[in-house]
């Protein structure tokens, strides 16, 4: 096990920023953001004091889809859950959750996944339930994970938006999601609305993103 700290702190006069390496899958929303808040090759990589207002720093941090970036504003303003709980089925990648998230078993110091999280759906992550980019890997004859994020079912015509969204792991099985939420396809289409469903996390379902029981035949094992 590495002795390197997982969480790195970047203090500022108006706002402090934290980066959690356990959650980062290098989507790049931070590095590609306009402005000097995050600058590759600079030490420190993140400097809240050169990035404008606390609100501007917070806005960039909230772009991070995995929860790896968090902040503490010294004016007392806090990150809040968006009005709609949402799951984006990314193209060949994870399930991107946003909302009032309650992820069962998440470590207490992973504060970023309170509102934003990338959860594994290929079945290969070594950091389950979180994505670690294992879907991109090819080894021992195993091809990278492929699924464009299409969704066939429509769910309910309408739902009451918001509220807590509970995410539990079935041992050796799917993610059980309870609460109002919307599913968005990899192409950006709002596809499904509902209040309860089992989402595949083994990568084998023929009805992705929903579980169809394929984890049993696939011999999927995970807490």
Protein backbone atom coordinates (compact mmCIF):
# COMPACT_ATOMS: atom_id res chain seq x y z
CA UNK A 1 0.00 0.00 0.00
CA UNK A 2 1.29 3.46 -0.89
CA UNK A 3 2.20 5.83 1.92
CA UNK A 4 1.39 8.82 -0.28
CA UNK A 5 -1.57 10.88 0.92
CA UNK A 6 -4.75 10.49 -1.13
CA UNK A 7 -6.08 13.99 -0.47
CA UNK A 8 -4.04 17.05 -1.45
CA UNK A 9 -4.88 20.50 -0.09
CA UNK A 10 -4.50 23.81 -1.94
CA UNK A 11 -5.24 26.66 0.51
CA UNK A 12 -6.30 30.11 -0.62
CA UNK A 13 -7.31 33.41 0.92
CA UNK A 14 -10.98 33.10 -0.09
CA UNK A 15 -11.38 29.39 -0.72
CA UNK A 16 -9.47 26.16 -0.12
CA UNK A 17 -9.43 23.41 -2.77
CA UNK A 18 -8.90 19.69 -2.20
CA UNK A 19 -8.07 16.98 -4.72
CA UNK A 20 -8.73 13.30 -3.92
CA UNK A 21 -6.53 11.05 -6.01
CA UNK A 22 -8.66 8.01 -5.20
CA UNK A 23 -11.52 9.42 -7.25
CA UNK A 24 -9.76 11.19 -10.12
CA UNK A 25 -10.00 9.54 -13.56
CA UNK A 26 -8.50 12.53 -15.38
CA UNK A 27 -11.54 13.71 -17.27
CA UNK A 28 -9.79 17.07 -17.59
CA UNK A 29 -12.58 19.51 -16.73
CA UNK A 30 -10.19 21.26 -14.35
CA UNK A 31 -7.14 21.52 -16.61
CA UNK A 32 -9.16 22.70 -19.60
CA UNK A 33 -11.09 25.34 -17.67
CA UNK A 34 -10.32 28.90 -18.70
CA UNK A 35 -8.17 30.82 -16.26
CA UNK A 36 -5.13 30.00 -14.12
CA UNK A 37 -6.75 28.02 -11.29
CA UNK A 38 -5.28 24.74 -12.58
CA UNK A 39 -2.05 24.92 -14.56
CA UNK A 40 -0.12 21.81 -15.54
CA UNK A 41 3.58 21.88 -14.67
CA UNK A 42 3.17 24.63 -12.10
CA UNK A 43 3.92 24.11 -8.42
CA UNK A 44 1.35 24.17 -6.98
CA UNK A 45 -0.78 22.81 -9.78
CA UNK A 46 -3.84 24.44 -8.19
CA UNK A 47 -3.61 28.02 -6.88
CA UNK A 48 -6.93 29.46 -5.64
CA UNK A 49 -5.36 32.89 -5.09
CA UNK A 50 -4.83 33.53 -8.81
CA UNK A 51 -8.22 32.32 -9.98
CA UNK A 52 -10.63 35.15 -9.30
CA UNK A 53 -13.52 34.99 -6.85
CA UNK A 54 -14.47 32.13 -4.54
CA UNK A 55 -17.56 31.61 -6.69
CA UNK A 56 -15.41 31.17 -9.79
CA UNK A 57 -13.21 28.62 -8.04
CA UNK A 58 -16.26 26.74 -6.81
CA UNK A 59 -17.80 26.66 -10.28
CA UNK A 60 -14.72 25.02 -11.78
CA UNK A 61 -14.46 22.48 -8.97
CA UNK A 62 -18.11 21.54 -9.40
CA UNK A 63 -17.41 20.63 -13.02
CA UNK A 64 -15.42 17.62 -11.80
CA UNK A 65 -17.76 14.67 -12.47
CA UNK A 66 -16.10 12.24 -10.06
CA UNK A 67 -16.08 14.30 -6.85
CA UNK A 68 -12.27 14.33 -6.81
CA UNK A 69 -12.30 18.13 -6.50
CA UNK A 70 -13.98 19.80 -3.55
CA UNK A 71 -13.71 23.23 -1.95
CA UNK A 72 -14.35 25.13 1.25
CA UNK A 73 -15.38 28.74 0.81
CA UNK A 74 -14.44 31.05 3.65
CA UNK A 75 -17.61 33.08 3.23
CA UNK A 76 -19.57 30.03 4.39
CA UNK A 77 -21.21 29.20 1.06
CA UNK A 78 -21.48 25.46 0.48
CA UNK A 79 -21.93 23.20 -2.52
CA UNK A 80 -25.55 22.15 -2.84
CA UNK A 81 -27.24 19.32 -4.64
CA UNK A 82 -28.72 20.17 -8.03
CA UNK A 83 -32.50 20.16 -8.31
CA UNK A 84 -32.51 16.92 -10.31
CA UNK A 85 -30.77 13.65 -9.53
CA UNK A 86 -29.22 12.38 -12.75
CA UNK A 87 -27.24 9.44 -14.07
CA UNK A 88 -25.32 9.88 -17.32
CA UNK A 89 -24.44 6.61 -19.06
CA UNK A 90 -21.11 7.63 -20.53
CA UNK A 91 -19.86 6.28 -23.84
CA UNK A 92 -17.64 3.26 -23.01
CA UNK A 93 -17.23 4.59 -19.47
CA UNK A 94 -18.74 4.91 -16.02
CA UNK A 95 -22.08 5.95 -14.61
CA UNK A 96 -21.83 9.66 -13.78
CA UNK A 97 -24.13 10.44 -10.86
CA UNK A 98 -25.09 13.96 -9.81
CA UNK A 99 -27.59 14.92 -7.14
CA UNK A 100 -28.28 14.46 -3.46
CA UNK A 101 -26.22 11.28 -3.32
CA UNK A 102 -26.13 8.80 -0.47
CA UNK A 103 -23.63 6.14 -1.54
CA UNK A 104 -23.68 3.30 0.97
CA UNK A 105 -20.23 2.34 2.17
CA UNK A 106 -18.44 5.40 0.81
CA UNK A 107 -15.54 6.40 3.10
CA UNK A 108 -16.35 9.34 5.34
CA UNK A 109 -13.38 11.32 4.02
CA UNK A 110 -14.63 11.07 0.41
CA UNK A 111 -16.71 14.22 0.77
CA UNK A 112 -16.76 14.90 -2.96
CA UNK A 113 -19.10 12.00 -3.70
CA UNK A 114 -21.86 13.69 -1.74
CA UNK A 115 -23.02 15.41 -4.95
CA UNK A 116 -20.90 14.01 -7.80
CA UNK A 117 -19.58 10.50 -8.44
CA UNK A 118 -18.33 8.22 -11.22
CA UNK A 119 -19.35 4.63 -10.50
CA UNK A 120 -17.93 1.60 -12.27
CA UNK A 121 -20.17 -0.19 -14.78
CA UNK A 122 -17.57 -2.39 -16.50
CA UNK A 123 -17.03 -4.64 -13.48
CA UNK A 124 -13.24 -4.26 -13.55
CA UNK A 125 -12.44 -1.36 -11.23
CA UNK A 126 -10.09 -2.09 -8.34
CA UNK A 127 -11.77 0.79 -6.48
CA UNK A 128 -15.41 -0.35 -6.61
CA UNK A 129 -17.96 1.11 -6.53
CA UNK A 130 -15.94 3.98 -8.02
CA UNK A 131 -14.48 4.04 -11.52
CA UNK A 132 -10.68 3.83 -11.85
CA UNK A 133 -10.50 3.83 -15.68
CA UNK A 134 -10.19 0.04 -15.86
CA UNK A 135 -12.80 0.14 -18.65
CA UNK A 136 -10.04 1.42 -20.93
CA UNK A 137 -7.61 -1.41 -20.22
CA UNK A 138 -6.94 -4.42 -22.40
CA UNK A 139 -5.01 -7.33 -20.90
CA UNK A 140 -4.87 -11.14 -21.01
CA UNK A 141 -7.14 -11.21 -24.04
CA UNK A 142 -9.77 -8.98 -22.40
CA UNK A 143 -10.86 -6.13 -24.64
CA UNK A 144 -11.64 -2.63 -23.36
CA UNK A 145 -15.22 -2.17 -22.23
CA UNK A 146 -17.56 -1.02 -25.00
CA UNK A 147 -21.05 0.37 -24.60
CA UNK A 148 -22.16 3.63 -26.20
CA UNK A 149 -24.67 4.43 -23.47
CA UNK A 150 -27.92 3.91 -25.34
CA UNK A 151 -31.08 3.36 -23.27
CA UNK A 152 -34.16 1.57 -24.56
CA UNK A 153 -36.70 2.00 -21.76
CA UNK A 154 -38.55 5.25 -21.04
CA UNK A 155 -39.64 4.76 -17.44
CA UNK A 156 -42.27 7.08 -16.00
CA UNK A 157 -43.71 10.02 -17.89
CA UNK A 158 -42.84 12.39 -15.04
CA UNK A 159 -41.47 12.29 -11.50
CA UNK A 160 -41.01 14.67 -8.61
CA UNK A 161 -37.48 15.97 -9.04
CA UNK A 162 -34.80 16.05 -6.36
CA UNK A 163 -34.62 14.54 -2.89
CA UNK A 164 -32.14 12.00 -1.54
CA UNK A 165 -30.82 9.36 -3.94
CA UNK A 166 -29.71 6.18 -2.19
CA UNK A 167 -27.18 3.96 -3.96
CA UNK A 168 -26.48 0.51 -2.54
CA UNK A 169 -24.38 -2.38 -3.80
CA UNK A 170 -25.86 -5.85 -3.98
CA UNK A 171 -23.02 -8.28 -3.13
CA UNK A 172 -21.89 -9.86 -6.42
CA UNK A 173 -24.70 -7.98 -8.12
CA UNK A 174 -26.00 -4.63 -9.34
CA UNK A 175 -26.32 -1.15 -7.92
CA UNK A 176 -29.72 -0.57 -6.34
CA UNK A 177 -30.76 3.04 -6.83
CA UNK A 178 -33.68 4.37 -4.80
CA UNK A 179 -35.13 7.85 -5.09
CA UNK A 180 -36.19 10.18 -7.87
CA UNK A 181 -33.68 10.17 -10.75
CA UNK A 182 -33.30 10.67 -14.47
CA UNK A 183 -31.08 8.65 -16.81
CA UNK A 184 -29.34 10.42 -19.69
CA UNK A 185 -27.85 8.47 -22.61
CA UNK A 186 -24.26 8.73 -23.75
CA UNK A 187 -25.54 10.90 -26.61
CA UNK A 188 -27.20 13.33 -24.20
CA UNK A 189 -30.84 12.27 -24.56
CA UNK A 190 -33.02 12.28 -21.45
CA UNK A 191 -34.16 8.68 -21.69
CA UNK A 192 -35.63 7.36 -18.46
CA UNK A 193 -37.28 8.70 -15.32
CA UNK A 194 -38.23 6.78 -12.22
CA UNK A 195 -37.74 6.20 -8.53
CA UNK A 196 -36.13 2.77 -8.32
CA UNK A 197 -34.01 0.51 -10.50
CA UNK A 198 -31.12 -1.94 -10.48
CA UNK A 199 -28.21 -0.75 -12.62
CA UNK A 200 -25.64 -3.13 -14.06
CA UNK A 201 -22.13 -2.92 -12.60
CA UNK A 202 -20.70 -6.21 -13.91
CA UNK A 203 -20.53 -5.08 -17.54
CA UNK A 204 -22.31 -8.19 -18.83
CA UNK A 205 -25.97 -7.16 -19.00
CA UNK A 206 -27.57 -7.25 -22.43
CA UNK A 207 -29.99 -4.54 -21.28
CA UNK A 208 -27.49 -1.91 -20.13
CA UNK A 209 -27.65 0.24 -18.11
CA UNK A 210 -30.15 -1.99 -16.33
CA UNK A 211 -29.32 -5.29 -14.64
CA UNK A 212 -30.68 -8.42 -16.32
CA UNK A 213 -29.13 -11.00 -13.99
CA UNK A 214 -26.09 -11.63 -16.19
CA UNK A 215 -23.76 -11.13 -13.20
CA UNK A 216 -24.65 -14.64 -12.06
CA UNK A 217 -23.58 -16.38 -15.26
CA UNK A 218 -20.54 -14.11 -15.55
CA UNK A 219 -19.37 -15.07 -12.07
CA UNK A 220 -19.11 -11.42 -11.04
CA UNK A 221 -17.76 -10.97 -7.53
CA UNK A 222 -17.70 -7.69 -5.62
CA UNK A 223 -18.85 -6.42 -2.28
